[in-house]
Protein backbone atom coordinates (compact mmCIF):
# COMPACT_ATOMS: atom_id res chain seq x y z
CA MET A 1 111.35 74.09 118.48
CA PRO A 2 108.52 74.26 115.90
CA THR A 3 109.30 75.93 112.59
CA GLN A 4 107.91 79.43 112.39
CA PRO A 5 105.74 80.30 109.40
CA THR A 6 107.21 82.43 106.62
CA ILE A 7 105.51 85.71 105.83
CA ASN A 8 104.04 86.31 102.39
CA VAL A 9 105.35 89.84 101.87
CA VAL A 10 102.85 90.68 99.11
CA THR A 11 99.94 89.70 101.37
CA ALA A 12 101.42 91.73 104.23
CA ILE A 13 101.62 94.79 101.97
CA ASN A 14 98.08 94.35 100.64
CA VAL A 15 96.69 94.02 104.16
CA ALA A 16 98.67 97.09 105.24
CA GLN A 17 97.23 99.08 102.33
CA LEU A 18 93.70 98.34 103.53
CA LEU A 19 94.72 99.14 107.10
CA ASN A 20 96.20 102.44 105.92
CA LEU A 21 92.77 103.49 104.60
CA THR A 22 91.42 103.50 108.16
CA TYR A 23 93.54 106.61 108.77
CA ASP A 24 91.46 108.53 106.20
CA THR A 25 88.71 108.85 108.82
CA LEU A 26 89.27 111.16 111.77
CA PRO A 27 88.96 109.39 115.13
CA SER A 28 86.21 111.87 116.04
CA ASP A 29 84.13 110.93 112.97
CA LEU A 30 81.69 108.36 114.38
CA THR A 31 79.78 107.83 111.12
CA ASN A 32 79.44 104.12 110.40
CA ALA A 33 81.01 103.41 106.99
CA ALA A 34 78.99 100.20 106.48
CA GLY A 35 78.33 99.61 102.77
CA LYS A 36 81.22 101.76 101.56
CA THR A 37 83.53 100.24 98.94
CA LEU A 38 87.29 100.40 99.46
CA SER A 39 90.06 99.33 97.09
CA ALA A 40 93.42 98.18 98.41
CA GLY A 41 96.12 96.02 96.90
CA GLY A 42 94.05 95.46 93.78
CA THR A 43 91.12 94.06 95.77
CA ASN A 44 87.73 95.66 96.37
CA TYR A 45 86.27 95.42 99.86
CA THR A 46 82.85 96.23 101.27
CA VAL A 47 82.82 97.78 104.73
CA VAL A 48 80.67 95.65 107.02
CA THR A 49 80.95 98.00 110.00
CA THR A 50 83.11 100.63 111.61
CA ILE A 51 84.81 99.65 114.88
CA TYR A 52 84.50 102.01 117.85
CA ALA A 53 86.29 102.20 121.19
CA ASN A 54 87.06 104.38 124.16
CA ASP A 55 90.46 105.98 123.52
CA LEU A 56 93.64 104.97 125.35
CA ALA A 57 93.81 106.45 128.83
CA THR A 58 97.34 107.40 129.89
CA ASP A 59 99.02 108.70 133.04
CA ILE A 60 99.46 112.04 131.31
CA ASN A 61 95.84 112.22 130.16
CA PRO A 62 93.60 109.73 132.00
CA SER A 63 90.43 111.48 130.78
CA ARG A 64 91.30 110.47 127.20
CA GLY A 65 89.77 107.11 128.08
CA ASP A 66 86.34 108.78 128.18
CA ASP A 67 86.59 109.87 124.52
CA GLU A 68 84.79 107.70 121.98
CA VAL A 69 86.68 107.19 118.73
CA SER A 70 86.38 105.27 115.50
CA ILE A 71 89.35 102.91 115.52
CA GLY A 72 88.99 100.65 112.52
CA LEU A 73 86.89 98.71 110.05
CA ILE A 74 85.59 95.22 109.39
CA CYS A 75 85.62 94.59 105.63
CA GLN A 76 84.96 91.71 103.25
CA ASP A 77 86.03 91.03 99.68
CA GLN A 78 84.00 89.23 97.02
CA ALA A 79 85.69 85.91 97.79
CA GLY A 80 84.36 86.06 101.35
CA ASN A 81 87.63 87.00 103.05
CA VAL A 82 87.03 89.19 106.10
CA VAL A 83 89.67 91.69 107.22
CA ILE A 84 89.48 93.39 110.61
CA ALA A 85 91.72 96.46 110.48
CA ILE A 86 92.56 98.44 113.63
CA ARG A 87 94.63 101.61 113.51
CA GLY A 88 96.58 103.48 116.14
CA THR A 89 95.65 106.70 117.94
CA GLU A 90 97.51 109.78 119.15
CA GLY A 91 97.26 108.35 122.65
CA ILE A 92 100.24 106.12 121.91
CA LEU A 93 102.51 109.19 121.99
CA GLU A 94 101.43 109.95 125.56
CA TRP A 95 101.59 106.27 126.53
CA ILE A 96 105.26 106.13 125.50
CA HIS A 97 106.02 108.61 128.28
CA ASP A 98 104.09 106.75 130.98
CA ALA A 99 106.30 105.92 133.95
CA GLU A 100 104.52 102.61 134.62
CA PHE A 101 103.14 99.87 132.43
CA LEU A 102 100.77 98.05 134.75
CA GLN A 103 99.35 94.60 134.08
CA VAL A 104 95.95 93.00 134.56
CA PRO A 105 94.87 89.37 134.07
CA CYS A 106 93.92 88.56 130.47
CA PRO A 107 90.15 89.07 130.69
CA PHE A 108 88.88 86.59 128.11
CA LEU A 109 91.01 83.46 128.60
CA VAL A 110 91.73 81.97 132.02
CA GLY A 111 95.38 81.16 132.56
CA ALA A 112 96.58 83.27 129.61
CA GLY A 113 98.80 85.50 131.71
CA HIS A 114 98.66 89.26 132.08
CA THR A 115 98.25 92.11 129.60
CA GLU A 116 98.99 95.83 129.69
CA ASP A 117 96.16 97.57 131.54
CA GLY A 118 95.56 100.46 129.13
CA PHE A 119 95.50 98.20 126.09
CA THR A 120 93.20 95.78 127.88
CA ALA A 121 90.72 98.46 128.90
CA MET A 122 90.62 99.80 125.36
CA TYR A 123 90.27 96.29 123.93
CA GLU A 124 87.29 95.55 126.14
CA SER A 125 85.61 98.69 124.77
CA LEU A 126 85.96 97.63 121.10
CA ARG A 127 82.41 97.56 119.73
CA THR A 128 80.41 97.70 116.53
CA GLY A 129 78.23 100.70 117.38
CA THR A 130 78.50 104.09 119.04
CA ALA A 131 76.28 103.19 122.01
CA ALA A 132 78.16 102.02 125.08
CA ASN A 133 76.06 98.83 125.17
CA SER A 134 76.73 97.95 121.52
CA PRO A 135 78.02 94.39 120.95
CA THR A 136 81.75 93.94 121.35
CA VAL A 137 83.64 93.05 118.19
CA VAL A 138 84.33 89.48 119.29
CA ASN A 139 80.69 88.88 120.24
CA ALA A 140 79.32 90.54 117.11
CA LEU A 141 81.64 88.84 114.64
CA ALA A 142 79.53 85.78 113.83
CA GLY A 143 76.29 87.73 113.43
CA LEU A 144 77.36 90.64 111.24
CA SER A 145 75.64 91.22 107.89
CA TYR A 146 78.36 89.97 105.56
CA PRO A 147 77.71 90.32 101.80
CA HIS A 148 79.13 86.80 101.29
CA ALA A 149 79.73 83.63 103.25
CA VAL A 150 82.88 84.02 105.35
CA THR A 151 85.83 82.06 103.96
CA SER A 152 88.65 83.45 106.13
CA VAL A 153 89.37 86.04 108.82
CA THR A 154 92.46 88.26 108.88
CA ILE A 155 93.13 90.61 111.78
CA CYS A 156 95.61 93.45 111.35
CA GLY A 157 96.72 96.49 113.29
CA HIS A 158 99.28 99.29 113.33
CA SER A 159 100.85 100.82 116.43
CA LEU A 160 98.38 100.67 119.32
CA GLY A 161 96.09 98.90 116.86
CA GLY A 162 98.70 96.13 116.72
CA ALA A 163 98.27 95.47 120.43
CA LEU A 164 94.48 95.54 120.07
CA ALA A 165 94.72 93.20 117.07
CA THR A 166 96.87 90.82 119.13
CA LEU A 167 94.29 90.72 121.93
CA LEU A 168 91.44 90.33 119.45
CA ALA A 169 93.19 87.52 117.57
CA LEU A 170 93.64 85.42 120.69
CA ASP A 171 90.06 86.10 121.79
CA VAL A 172 88.68 85.18 118.35
CA ALA A 173 90.84 82.05 118.05
CA ALA A 174 90.02 80.81 121.54
CA ASN A 175 86.38 81.84 121.90
CA THR A 176 84.69 81.86 118.47
CA ALA A 177 84.16 79.55 115.52
CA PHE A 178 86.75 81.58 113.59
CA ASP A 179 89.58 79.71 115.28
CA THR A 180 92.30 80.11 112.62
CA PRO A 181 92.67 83.86 112.01
CA ALA A 182 95.66 85.22 110.15
CA VAL A 183 97.30 88.14 111.96
CA TYR A 184 99.50 90.96 110.67
CA THR A 185 100.75 93.74 112.93
CA TYR A 186 103.02 96.68 112.12
CA GLY A 187 104.94 98.61 114.77
CA SER A 188 103.06 96.93 117.62
CA PRO A 189 104.13 97.38 121.22
CA ARG A 190 104.46 94.36 123.47
CA THR A 191 100.98 93.41 124.68
CA GLY A 192 101.45 91.08 127.63
CA ASP A 193 103.79 89.01 129.76
CA SER A 194 105.62 85.83 128.77
CA LEU A 195 102.67 83.59 129.66
CA PHE A 196 100.36 85.66 127.48
CA ALA A 197 102.84 85.61 124.59
CA ASN A 198 103.39 81.86 124.89
CA THR A 199 99.63 81.25 125.03
CA PHE A 200 99.11 83.41 121.97
CA ASP A 201 101.85 81.57 120.07
CA GLN A 202 100.26 78.20 120.85
CA VAL A 203 96.71 79.23 119.92
CA VAL A 204 97.29 81.65 117.01
CA LYS A 205 99.49 79.83 114.51
CA ASN A 206 99.42 82.23 111.55
CA SER A 207 100.73 85.50 112.98
CA TYR A 208 103.32 87.99 111.68
CA ARG A 209 104.68 90.97 113.61
CA ALA A 210 106.60 93.49 111.48
CA ALA A 211 108.96 95.73 113.45
CA ASN A 212 111.24 98.49 112.17
CA ARG A 213 114.53 98.28 114.06
CA LEU A 214 114.53 102.05 114.70
CA ASP A 215 110.87 102.33 115.71
CA ILE A 216 110.63 102.98 119.45
CA VAL A 217 107.08 101.65 119.90
CA PRO A 218 107.94 97.92 119.45
CA THR A 219 110.61 98.27 122.17
CA LEU A 220 107.92 99.06 124.78
CA PRO A 221 106.81 98.09 127.36
CA PRO A 222 110.25 96.80 128.25
CA PRO A 223 111.16 93.17 128.83
CA VAL A 224 111.39 91.26 131.40
CA ASP A 225 107.78 91.99 132.36
CA TYR A 226 106.58 91.95 128.75
CA GLN A 227 107.31 89.67 125.81
CA HIS A 228 106.52 89.93 122.11
CA VAL A 229 104.40 87.36 120.30
CA LEU A 230 105.56 85.55 117.16
CA THR A 231 106.38 85.68 114.24
CA PRO A 232 108.88 88.57 114.05
CA VAL A 233 109.50 90.24 110.69
CA ASP A 234 112.62 92.37 111.05
CA LEU A 235 112.74 95.54 108.94
CA ASN A 236 115.99 97.50 108.73
CA PRO A 237 115.74 101.16 107.59
CA ILE A 238 119.49 101.14 106.89
CA ARG A 239 120.64 99.14 103.87
CA LEU A 240 123.91 97.41 104.69
CA LEU A 241 124.53 95.62 101.40
CA PRO A 242 125.97 96.45 99.01
CA PRO A 243 128.33 98.79 100.89
CA PRO A 244 128.50 101.54 101.82
CA PRO A 245 125.52 101.54 104.20
CA LYS A 246 122.61 103.70 103.05
CA VAL A 247 119.94 105.33 105.24
CA LEU A 248 116.55 104.53 103.72
CA VAL A 249 114.27 106.51 106.06
CA LYS A 250 114.76 109.87 107.73
CA PHE A 251 115.70 109.26 111.36
CA ASN A 252 112.65 110.71 113.02
CA PRO A 253 110.35 108.92 115.52
CA GLY A 254 107.24 109.70 113.49
CA CYS A 255 108.80 108.55 110.24
CA GLU A 256 110.19 105.33 111.70
CA HIS A 257 106.75 104.48 113.14
CA SER A 258 104.62 105.48 110.15
CA LEU A 259 102.60 102.72 108.51
CA THR A 260 103.68 104.12 105.14
CA THR A 261 107.29 103.50 106.17
CA TYR A 262 106.41 99.91 107.03
CA MET A 263 104.81 99.43 103.62
CA TYR A 264 107.87 100.97 101.96
CA LEU A 265 110.31 98.70 103.80
CA LEU A 266 108.19 95.63 103.10
CA SER A 267 107.90 96.56 99.43
CA LEU A 268 111.69 96.67 99.15
CA ARG A 269 111.66 92.98 100.05
CA SER A 270 108.81 92.03 97.73
CA GLY A 271 110.64 92.36 94.42
CA GLY A 272 107.64 94.25 93.07
CA THR A 273 106.52 97.87 92.97
CA VAL A 274 108.16 99.98 95.68
CA ILE A 275 105.64 101.92 97.76
CA PRO A 276 106.97 105.47 98.18
CA LEU A 277 107.78 107.01 101.51
CA GLN A 278 106.01 110.12 102.71
CA SER A 279 107.91 113.08 101.28
CA THR A 280 108.81 114.33 104.76
CA CYS A 281 110.44 110.99 105.57
CA GLN A 282 112.85 110.92 102.66
CA PRO A 283 116.41 110.72 104.09
């Protein structure tokens, strides 16, 4: 079995800090942030474009899929590194309660198995403008107005955004010139079946999937029909050593799933500055 890559925890935290900034914009705010400067992890980024999508339709609220939302950003630093950051939406809370997790064929790569239908529909709506006929992210990527020549592409996502980032990473790696993206996801649900996961693992070599052991979202949809992609990064919100065990995060579904919690748990492993929890998530 091939050796799995080892995560650079500092890089994972820095990417998560940029991803966390996407939550500063309300999903209903469709203003394109192109040209805005963001600072995360000690690096300055220029926003190249906002990413838009139709929200996640669920069994509880199928009409949610008609709502247009801002869902993330494409940014670039001065060294030419591009980061595509995709956040979650409130729709994930309704999706958790869906009775069925239906599958459809992976739409952009023949023979790549099946993917969850709601995630797939939302992924296919990812675009770089508010108009329904705006270019999709994968089709627009090569032609965007980058401030600098592109030196690397990193794709990251939290929660539902982790599933969208997984789909985007395989699409980008298989169907564009940017065939070696780095991928970081945090609290991502399973995205597809075993054939999809195996295809992803073969095509996308530099991928890291952080999962909090007590976060419910990464446990869904359930196996056997769904399988996680590599490379797992296990985060335990209960410190076992030295004894006695110590609870690090308030046991609450929202706290366990929060991106801030993920940054906190990763920072405990970094040996550097510890990123504080949200005050409401202190145990």
